[in-house]
Amino acid sequence: MSDTQAKAIDRSVWRNALGLVGGNTLAELLGVLVQAQLIRILGPAGLGPLSQAQAASEIADGIGAFGLNQVGPVIGVQHRDRLGAFMGSVLCVRVTVTVSIFLLVCALAPLFKSTDPGLVRLAAVTLLLAPFEATATIPYFIHQENWRIAWLPGLTTLLHAGLLLLTLAFGGKLAWVLLSALVTRVVHVSALWLLVSRRYQLRLSVDRELVRKLLTIAPQAAWLDAVVIAYSRASYFVLDGLGPGVIGLYALADRITAPILRLSGAFSASALPKFAELGHAADVRGVTGFYLRNVRRVALTLIGLGALLALGLPVVVRTWFADYAGSLPIVFVLYLGVFCMAVNQLTSSCLNGLGHFGWVAIIATINLGVYFIGVSLWVGPHAAVGAAVATTVMEGVNMAMQLGLLTFTLRRLHAGAAT
């Protein structure tokens, strides 16, 4: 691959990623003031149950995706000429799995100690929209055109901010907060389908062979998605017996670091189709160069953001959110884990693009064991800080294993290309 081709690939992926980042950043900025007011009104004891209900929905969402967030772009690259059939097949599989998971969440809702079952069920309703949202974005990812809809998250978040202001005016009840999120998601998904239908003019259909292919390949990635989302949200349930206030302190730390992780996730998601294209073309040098260039950029960006966070966050929290001062050590421990997570996202995209869903799933399963060992050691004496330590140690181990697997894979591919 020539330098010109490499630069062209980087530009297309970064433009697509920056489109996602720009829209998400605008969304974060529009909502941050209202969210801050909501957090102050709820306090740790109110934020805890709200975040636990949302975490249950996010875990269900990750399981309901059935690995198609990873598998979809990889297979979709090979079916650009029949994208309508591919999208229809993906939607068919995802809706079937998602409805089953939604019913399961509703049945398990009474098991939570810190959150009313009704809140868990209400948060889970948004799960039913996930298949339609994810399927609608497939053409944009495959064609590297997410920048075309970069404005949409900001616009719908503006709607969400307005709805949240109304809920605050009526006392900030948790059920109304969740309903505002549900209404916003409905508007977002509806607008997304309108835009994709106008842009690509696709006729959806279900292809049995494609469904069979998805059901054959997806389970490995489905296990990976389920494990990753489970341990990324497990702290909300590990801390369940310690009370809503402790969960609330962890929730604030998680909400502070989550936007940073979403930014790195946007790039990893944009990079996945390119890794798949380069892997499908057996361009080993292209895969290696693309990965090394961009993992360095991601790492340097996160180091800079971490320095800004360390300088400014203590002042903000102690000045305006004194009730959450106990979140500060959790934030800084968790940020180290976020750094590792960001590197892991890009590494996983590379490995998945090369078709190694099974190996990545095995590593994720080992990490789940590492996490629960850490939880058993540190949550008892250190509560929410211990949960953050367990997450960070797990992600560090994850990074070491994934980098080892990627190094081995690329060396083997280079050796095969040389022969």
Protein backbone atom coordinates (compact mmCIF):
# COMPACT_ATOMS: atom_id res chain seq x y z
CA MET A 1 0.00 0.00 0.00
CA SER A 2 1.37 3.41 -1.00
CA ASP A 3 1.61 6.38 1.36
CA THR A 4 -1.08 8.13 -0.69
CA GLN A 5 -3.48 5.20 -0.27
CA ALA A 6 -2.73 4.98 3.45
CA LYS A 7 -3.44 8.68 3.90
CA ALA A 8 -6.69 8.35 1.94
CA ILE A 9 -7.85 5.50 4.21
CA ASP A 10 -6.92 7.48 7.32
CA ARG A 11 -8.78 10.54 6.05
CA SER A 12 -11.97 8.61 5.28
CA VAL A 13 -11.99 6.87 8.67
CA TRP A 14 -11.10 9.99 10.64
CA ARG A 15 -13.69 12.07 8.79
CA ASN A 16 -16.29 9.42 9.59
CA ALA A 17 -15.14 9.17 13.21
CA LEU A 18 -15.04 12.93 13.64
CA GLY A 19 -18.58 13.08 12.28
CA LEU A 20 -19.65 10.70 15.04
CA VAL A 21 -17.53 12.50 17.62
CA GLY A 22 -18.76 15.93 16.55
CA GLY A 23 -22.39 14.93 16.82
CA ASN A 24 -21.86 13.17 20.13
CA THR A 25 -19.79 16.05 21.54
CA LEU A 26 -22.48 18.54 20.60
CA ALA A 27 -25.03 16.23 22.20
CA GLU A 28 -22.95 16.04 25.37
CA LEU A 29 -22.51 19.82 25.54
CA LEU A 30 -26.20 20.51 24.98
CA GLY A 31 -27.23 18.10 27.69
CA VAL A 32 -24.49 18.61 30.25
CA LEU A 33 -26.05 21.58 32.09
CA VAL A 34 -29.45 19.93 32.43
CA GLN A 35 -27.81 16.63 33.40
CA ALA A 36 -25.74 18.47 36.01
CA GLN A 37 -28.88 20.02 37.48
CA LEU A 38 -30.58 16.63 37.48
CA ILE A 39 -27.62 15.07 39.27
CA ARG A 40 -27.68 17.81 41.91
CA ILE A 41 -31.42 17.44 42.49
CA LEU A 42 -31.35 13.64 42.71
CA GLY A 43 -28.25 13.38 44.90
CA PRO A 44 -26.31 10.11 45.12
CA ALA A 45 -29.32 8.26 46.58
CA GLY A 46 -31.48 9.18 43.57
CA LEU A 47 -28.83 8.89 40.90
CA GLY A 48 -27.99 5.34 42.05
CA PRO A 49 -31.37 3.70 41.26
CA LEU A 50 -31.71 5.64 37.99
CA SER A 51 -28.25 4.54 36.84
CA GLN A 52 -28.82 0.95 37.95
CA ALA A 53 -32.04 0.73 35.92
CA GLN A 54 -30.26 2.18 32.89
CA ALA A 55 -27.32 -0.19 33.36
CA ALA A 56 -29.71 -3.17 33.32
CA SER A 57 -31.14 -1.88 30.03
CA GLU A 58 -27.64 -1.40 28.58
CA ILE A 59 -26.62 -4.95 29.49
CA ALA A 60 -29.79 -6.25 27.86
CA ASP A 61 -29.05 -4.08 24.82
CA GLY A 62 -25.55 -5.56 24.51
CA ILE A 63 -26.87 -9.11 24.73
CA GLY A 64 -29.75 -8.35 22.35
CA ALA A 65 -27.31 -7.05 19.74
CA PHE A 66 -26.32 -10.72 19.28
CA GLY A 67 -22.84 -9.71 18.16
CA LEU A 68 -24.18 -8.02 15.04
CA ASN A 69 -22.58 -4.68 15.93
CA GLN A 70 -19.26 -6.42 15.26
CA VAL A 71 -20.27 -8.99 12.67
CA GLY A 72 -22.57 -6.69 10.68
CA PRO A 73 -19.95 -4.31 9.24
CA VAL A 74 -17.54 -7.19 8.48
CA ILE A 75 -20.13 -9.18 6.51
CA GLY A 76 -21.85 -6.08 5.17
CA VAL A 77 -18.65 -5.03 3.35
CA GLN A 78 -19.03 -8.23 1.29
CA HIS A 79 -22.71 -7.49 0.46
CA ARG A 80 -22.65 -3.86 -0.62
CA ASP A 81 -24.41 -4.78 -3.85
CA ARG A 82 -27.43 -6.18 -1.96
CA LEU A 83 -27.53 -4.00 1.11
CA GLY A 84 -31.34 -4.03 1.41
CA ALA A 85 -31.40 -7.81 1.81
CA PHE A 86 -28.50 -7.66 4.26
CA MET A 87 -30.15 -4.98 6.43
CA GLY A 88 -33.49 -6.79 6.39
CA SER A 89 -31.82 -10.02 7.48
CA VAL A 90 -29.92 -8.29 10.28
CA LEU A 91 -33.10 -6.58 11.49
CA CYS A 92 -35.01 -9.88 11.49
CA VAL A 93 -32.39 -11.58 13.68
CA ARG A 94 -31.97 -8.64 16.06
CA VAL A 95 -35.69 -8.07 16.65
CA THR A 96 -36.22 -11.76 17.45
CA VAL A 97 -33.38 -11.84 19.99
CA THR A 98 -34.18 -8.42 21.47
CA VAL A 99 -37.82 -9.20 22.24
CA SER A 100 -36.73 -12.35 24.07
CA ILE A 101 -34.17 -10.42 26.13
CA PHE A 102 -36.71 -7.70 26.95
CA LEU A 103 -39.14 -10.26 28.37
CA LEU A 104 -36.32 -11.78 30.42
CA VAL A 105 -35.36 -8.38 31.92
CA CYS A 106 -38.97 -7.74 32.89
CA ALA A 107 -39.10 -11.10 34.65
CA LEU A 108 -35.82 -10.50 36.56
CA ALA A 109 -36.59 -6.89 37.58
CA PRO A 110 -37.81 -7.78 41.13
CA LEU A 111 -34.35 -9.16 42.01
CA PHE A 112 -32.80 -5.68 42.37
CA LYS A 113 -32.47 -4.40 45.94
CA SER A 114 -31.80 -0.70 45.32
CA THR A 115 -34.21 -0.01 42.44
CA ASP A 116 -37.97 -0.31 41.98
CA PRO A 117 -38.81 -3.09 39.44
CA GLY A 118 -41.06 -0.68 37.55
CA LEU A 119 -38.08 1.58 36.83
CA VAL A 120 -36.07 -1.35 35.48
CA ARG A 121 -38.93 -2.39 33.18
CA LEU A 122 -39.47 1.18 31.98
CA ALA A 123 -35.76 1.61 31.19
CA ALA A 124 -35.84 -1.70 29.30
CA VAL A 125 -38.52 -0.45 26.89
CA THR A 126 -35.83 1.54 25.04
CA LEU A 127 -34.23 -1.83 24.30
CA LEU A 128 -36.98 -2.52 21.75
CA LEU A 129 -35.78 0.41 19.63
CA ALA A 130 -32.15 -0.76 19.49
CA PRO A 131 -32.46 -3.15 16.49
CA PHE A 132 -33.99 -0.40 14.33
CA GLU A 133 -31.38 2.18 15.34
CA ALA A 134 -28.40 -0.14 14.79
CA THR A 135 -29.68 -1.46 11.45
CA ALA A 136 -30.29 2.04 10.09
CA THR A 137 -26.65 3.02 10.68
CA ILE A 138 -25.20 0.08 8.69
CA PRO A 139 -25.07 1.89 5.30
CA TYR A 140 -23.40 4.91 6.86
CA PHE A 141 -20.67 2.78 8.45
CA ILE A 142 -20.07 0.71 5.32
CA HIS A 143 -19.81 3.80 3.10
CA GLN A 144 -17.89 5.79 5.77
CA GLU A 145 -20.59 8.48 5.71
CA ASN A 146 -21.54 8.89 9.37
CA TRP A 147 -20.49 12.51 9.05
CA ARG A 148 -23.68 13.06 7.02
CA ILE A 149 -25.81 12.50 10.12
CA ALA A 150 -23.42 14.07 12.64
CA TRP A 151 -25.99 16.76 13.44
CA LEU A 152 -28.73 14.33 14.47
CA PRO A 153 -27.50 13.38 17.99
CA GLY A 154 -27.13 17.05 18.89
CA LEU A 155 -30.63 17.87 17.70
CA THR A 156 -32.28 14.98 19.53
CA THR A 157 -30.27 15.74 22.67
CA LEU A 158 -31.62 19.28 22.52
CA LEU A 159 -35.09 17.71 22.60
CA HIS A 160 -33.99 15.50 25.50
CA ALA A 161 -32.68 18.53 27.38
CA GLY A 162 -36.03 20.28 26.95
CA LEU A 163 -37.93 17.22 28.19
CA LEU A 164 -35.59 16.92 31.18
CA LEU A 165 -36.23 20.55 32.05
CA LEU A 166 -39.94 19.73 32.16
CA THR A 167 -39.30 16.76 34.45
CA LEU A 168 -37.23 18.97 36.76
CA ALA A 169 -40.08 21.47 36.85
CA PHE A 170 -42.31 18.67 38.15
CA GLY A 171 -39.84 17.46 40.77
CA GLY A 172 -37.46 15.29 38.75
CA LYS A 173 -39.26 11.98 39.33
CA LEU A 174 -37.21 9.02 38.11
CA ALA A 175 -40.03 7.59 35.96
CA TRP A 176 -40.39 10.90 34.09
CA VAL A 177 -36.63 11.05 33.56
CA LEU A 178 -36.74 7.61 31.92
CA LEU A 179 -39.79 8.55 29.85
CA SER A 180 -37.97 11.60 28.50
CA ALA A 181 -35.13 9.33 27.35
CA LEU A 182 -37.64 6.96 25.71
CA VAL A 183 -39.41 9.75 23.79
CA THR A 184 -36.05 11.11 22.61
CA ARG A 185 -34.97 7.67 21.39
CA VAL A 186 -38.22 7.24 19.44
CA VAL A 187 -37.70 10.58 17.69
CA HIS A 188 -34.04 9.78 16.98
CA VAL A 189 -34.75 6.35 15.45
CA SER A 190 -37.65 7.70 13.36
CA ALA A 191 -35.50 10.51 11.97
CA LEU A 192 -32.64 8.10 11.29
CA TRP A 193 -34.83 5.78 9.21
CA LEU A 194 -36.24 8.71 7.27
CA LEU A 195 -32.72 9.91 6.43
CA VAL A 196 -31.36 6.48 5.47
CA SER A 197 -34.36 5.74 3.25
CA ARG A 198 -33.88 9.01 1.38
CA ARG A 199 -30.10 8.70 1.09
CA TYR A 200 -29.81 5.06 0.00
CA GLN A 201 -33.34 4.23 -1.24
CA LEU A 202 -33.08 0.64 -0.03
CA ARG A 203 -35.81 -1.96 -0.21
CA LEU A 204 -35.55 -4.23 2.82
CA SER A 205 -35.99 -7.96 2.41
CA VAL A 206 -35.07 -11.09 4.34
CA ASP A 207 -32.64 -13.52 2.72
CA ARG A 208 -32.67 -16.96 4.35
CA GLU A 209 -29.09 -17.68 3.32
CA LEU A 210 -27.91 -14.43 4.85
CA VAL A 211 -29.87 -15.14 8.04
CA ARG A 212 -28.27 -18.58 8.20
CA LYS A 213 -24.82 -17.04 7.68
CA LEU A 214 -25.43 -14.46 10.42
CA LEU A 215 -26.64 -17.15 12.83
CA THR A 216 -23.52 -19.19 12.06
CA ILE A 217 -20.99 -16.41 12.59
CA ALA A 218 -22.70 -14.15 15.13
CA PRO A 219 -22.73 -16.37 18.26
CA GLN A 220 -19.00 -15.94 18.88
CA ALA A 221 -19.28 -12.16 18.64
CA ALA A 222 -22.55 -12.31 20.61
CA TRP A 223 -20.78 -13.96 23.50
CA LEU A 224 -18.07 -11.29 23.26
CA ASP A 225 -20.62 -8.44 23.32
CA ALA A 226 -22.53 -10.02 26.20
CA VAL A 227 -19.40 -10.51 28.31
CA VAL A 228 -18.00 -7.03 27.59
CA ILE A 229 -21.23 -5.20 28.40
CA ALA A 230 -21.74 -7.42 31.46
CA TYR A 231 -18.42 -6.59 33.08
CA SER A 232 -18.54 -2.94 31.99
CA ARG A 233 -21.84 -2.54 33.89
CA ALA A 234 -21.41 -5.21 36.57
CA SER A 235 -20.28 -2.70 39.20
CA TYR A 236 -23.83 -1.33 39.45
CA PHE A 237 -25.00 -4.76 40.63
CA VAL A 238 -21.91 -5.75 42.61
CA LEU A 239 -22.57 -2.62 44.72
CA ASP A 240 -26.31 -3.34 44.98
CA GLY A 241 -26.20 -4.43 48.62
CA LEU A 242 -24.25 -1.32 49.72
CA GLY A 243 -27.16 1.04 49.10
CA PRO A 244 -28.22 3.56 46.44
CA GLY A 245 -25.85 6.27 47.75
CA VAL A 246 -22.75 4.18 47.04
CA ILE A 247 -24.11 3.29 43.61
CA GLY A 248 -24.73 7.00 43.01
CA LEU A 249 -21.09 7.89 43.72
CA TYR A 250 -19.93 5.25 41.25
CA ALA A 251 -22.56 6.40 38.75
CA LEU A 252 -21.21 9.96 38.69
CA ALA A 253 -17.66 8.68 38.07
CA ASP A 254 -18.96 6.45 35.30
CA ARG A 255 -20.90 9.32 33.69
CA ILE A 256 -17.81 11.55 33.73
CA THR A 257 -15.60 8.99 32.02
CA ALA A 258 -18.24 7.53 29.68
CA PRO A 259 -18.16 10.37 27.08
CA ILE A 260 -14.41 9.87 26.68
CA LEU A 261 -14.95 6.19 26.07
CA ARG A 262 -17.71 6.96 23.57
CA LEU A 263 -15.29 9.13 21.60
CA SER A 264 -12.77 6.30 21.29
CA GLY A 265 -15.63 3.90 20.53
CA ALA A 266 -16.72 6.12 17.65
CA PHE A 267 -13.31 5.79 16.05
CA SER A 268 -13.10 2.04 16.65
CA ALA A 269 -16.54 1.53 15.10
CA SER A 270 -15.51 3.61 12.06
CA ALA A 271 -12.24 1.70 11.73
CA LEU A 272 -13.87 -1.77 11.78
CA PRO A 273 -15.06 -1.76 8.12
CA LYS A 274 -11.58 -0.61 7.00
CA PHE A 275 -9.90 -3.38 8.97
CA ALA A 276 -12.35 -5.79 7.31
CA GLU A 277 -11.58 -4.43 3.84
CA LEU A 278 -7.82 -4.59 4.35
CA GLY A 279 -8.09 -8.08 5.85
CA HIS A 280 -10.35 -9.28 3.01
CA ALA A 281 -7.77 -7.98 0.51
CA ALA A 282 -4.96 -9.74 2.45
CA ASP A 283 -3.16 -6.38 2.79
CA VAL A 284 -1.11 -7.24 5.87
CA ARG A 285 1.11 -4.17 5.71
CA GLY A 286 -1.97 -2.00 5.37
CA VAL A 287 -3.60 -3.53 8.47
CA THR A 288 -0.40 -3.18 10.53
CA GLY A 289 0.29 0.40 9.50
CA PHE A 290 -3.31 1.52 9.97
CA TYR A 291 -3.47 0.00 13.47
CA LEU A 292 -0.12 1.39 14.68
CA ARG A 293 -0.77 4.91 13.40
CA ASN A 294 -4.16 5.17 15.00
CA VAL A 295 -3.57 3.43 18.33
CA ARG A 296 -0.79 5.99 18.88
CA ARG A 297 -3.20 8.85 18.09
CA VAL A 298 -5.88 7.46 20.42
CA ALA A 299 -3.36 7.01 23.26
CA LEU A 300 -1.93 10.53 22.95
CA THR A 301 -5.43 12.04 22.84
CA LEU A 302 -6.48 10.22 26.01
CA ILE A 303 -3.31 11.25 27.85
CA GLY A 304 -4.10 14.89 27.07
CA LEU A 305 -7.72 14.54 28.15
CA GLY A 306 -6.63 12.82 31.35
CA ALA A 307 -4.35 15.74 32.23
CA LEU A 308 -7.19 18.23 31.71
CA LEU A 309 -9.50 16.08 33.83
CA ALA A 310 -6.98 15.90 36.68
CA LEU A 311 -6.59 19.69 36.69
CA GLY A 312 -10.22 20.77 36.43
CA LEU A 313 -12.48 18.08 37.86
CA PRO A 314 -11.66 18.41 41.60
CA VAL A 315 -12.49 22.13 41.51
CA VAL A 316 -15.82 21.57 39.72
CA VAL A 317 -16.97 18.73 41.98
CA ARG A 318 -15.99 20.38 45.26
CA THR A 319 -17.52 23.70 44.23
CA TRP A 320 -20.88 22.64 42.75
CA PHE A 321 -21.35 18.95 43.63
CA ALA A 322 -20.05 18.66 47.18
CA ASP A 323 -22.29 15.66 47.91
CA TYR A 324 -20.34 13.74 45.26
CA ALA A 325 -16.81 14.50 46.56
CA GLY A 326 -16.42 10.77 47.26
CA SER A 327 -16.56 10.17 43.50
CA LEU A 328 -13.18 11.83 42.81
CA PRO A 329 -10.91 8.86 43.65
CA ILE A 330 -13.32 6.60 41.73
CA VAL A 331 -13.02 8.84 38.64
CA PHE A 332 -9.24 8.77 38.56
CA VAL A 333 -8.97 5.03 39.11
CA LEU A 334 -11.65 4.43 36.49
CA TYR A 335 -9.91 6.73 33.98
CA LEU A 336 -6.89 4.42 33.92
CA GLY A 337 -9.31 1.65 33.00
CA VAL A 338 -10.88 3.87 30.32
CA PHE A 339 -7.44 4.39 28.76
CA CYS A 340 -6.96 0.64 28.53
CA MET A 341 -10.54 0.20 27.26
CA ALA A 342 -9.92 2.67 24.43
CA VAL A 343 -6.83 0.79 23.27
CA ASN A 344 -8.75 -2.47 23.62
CA GLN A 345 -11.61 -1.17 21.47
CA LEU A 346 -9.28 -0.43 18.56
CA THR A 347 -7.41 -3.72 19.03
CA SER A 348 -10.68 -5.65 19.10
CA SER A 349 -11.81 -3.89 15.92
CA CYS A 350 -8.60 -4.98 14.21
CA LEU A 351 -8.90 -8.59 15.41
CA ASN A 352 -12.61 -8.76 14.57
CA GLY A 353 -11.96 -7.23 11.15
CA LEU A 354 -9.52 -10.08 10.55
CA GLY A 355 -12.23 -12.57 11.58
CA HIS A 356 -10.89 -13.54 15.03
CA PHE A 357 -14.22 -13.18 16.88
CA GLY A 358 -13.70 -16.46 18.71
CA TRP A 359 -10.29 -15.58 20.17
CA VAL A 360 -11.46 -12.14 21.26
CA ALA A 361 -14.46 -13.79 22.95
CA ILE A 362 -12.15 -16.19 24.82
CA ILE A 363 -10.05 -13.27 26.07
CA ALA A 364 -13.20 -11.43 27.18
CA THR A 365 -14.33 -14.52 29.12
CA ILE A 366 -10.98 -14.69 30.93
CA ASN A 367 -11.34 -11.00 31.73
CA LEU A 368 -14.73 -11.61 33.31
CA GLY A 369 -13.05 -14.04 35.69
CA VAL A 370 -10.31 -11.49 36.45
CA TYR A 371 -12.97 -8.88 37.20
CA PHE A 372 -14.84 -11.02 39.71
CA ILE A 373 -11.60 -12.01 41.44
CA GLY A 374 -10.86 -8.29 41.80
CA VAL A 375 -14.37 -7.63 43.07
CA SER A 376 -14.03 -10.33 45.73
CA LEU A 377 -10.73 -8.81 46.89
CA TRP A 378 -11.45 -5.07 46.80
CA VAL A 379 -15.16 -4.22 46.95
CA GLY A 380 -15.56 -5.36 50.56
CA PRO A 381 -12.87 -3.08 52.05
CA HIS A 382 -13.05 -0.26 49.48
CA ALA A 383 -16.69 -0.23 48.20
CA ALA A 384 -17.06 1.78 44.96
CA VAL A 385 -13.33 2.51 44.70
CA GLY A 386 -12.74 -1.23 44.88
CA ALA A 387 -15.16 -1.79 41.99
CA ALA A 388 -13.23 0.79 39.94
CA VAL A 389 -9.92 -0.91 40.80
CA ALA A 390 -11.34 -4.27 39.69
CA THR A 391 -12.44 -2.74 36.38
CA THR A 392 -9.07 -1.08 35.76
CA VAL A 393 -7.02 -4.19 36.59
CA MET A 394 -9.26 -6.27 34.35
CA GLU A 395 -8.85 -3.86 31.42
CA GLY A 396 -5.07 -3.82 31.91
CA VAL A 397 -4.98 -7.62 31.71
CA ASN A 398 -7.31 -7.44 28.72
CA MET A 399 -4.97 -5.02 26.94
CA ALA A 400 -1.95 -7.23 27.52
CA MET A 401 -3.72 -10.32 26.16
CA GLN A 402 -5.22 -8.58 23.13
CA LEU A 403 -1.92 -6.97 22.16
CA GLY A 404 -0.22 -10.34 22.49
CA LEU A 405 -2.83 -11.98 20.24
CA LEU A 406 -2.64 -9.18 17.67
CA THR A 407 1.17 -9.32 17.58
CA PHE A 408 1.06 -13.09 17.02
CA THR A 409 -1.64 -12.75 14.33
CA LEU A 410 0.16 -10.03 12.39
CA ARG A 411 3.50 -11.85 12.52
CA ARG A 412 1.86 -14.99 11.19
CA LEU A 413 0.14 -13.04 8.42
CA HIS A 414 3.39 -11.32 7.49
CA ALA A 415 5.15 -14.68 7.35
CA GLY A 416 2.38 -16.07 5.14
CA ALA A 417 2.53 -13.06 2.84
CA ALA A 418 6.32 -13.40 2.54
CA THR A 419 6.00 -16.98 1.35
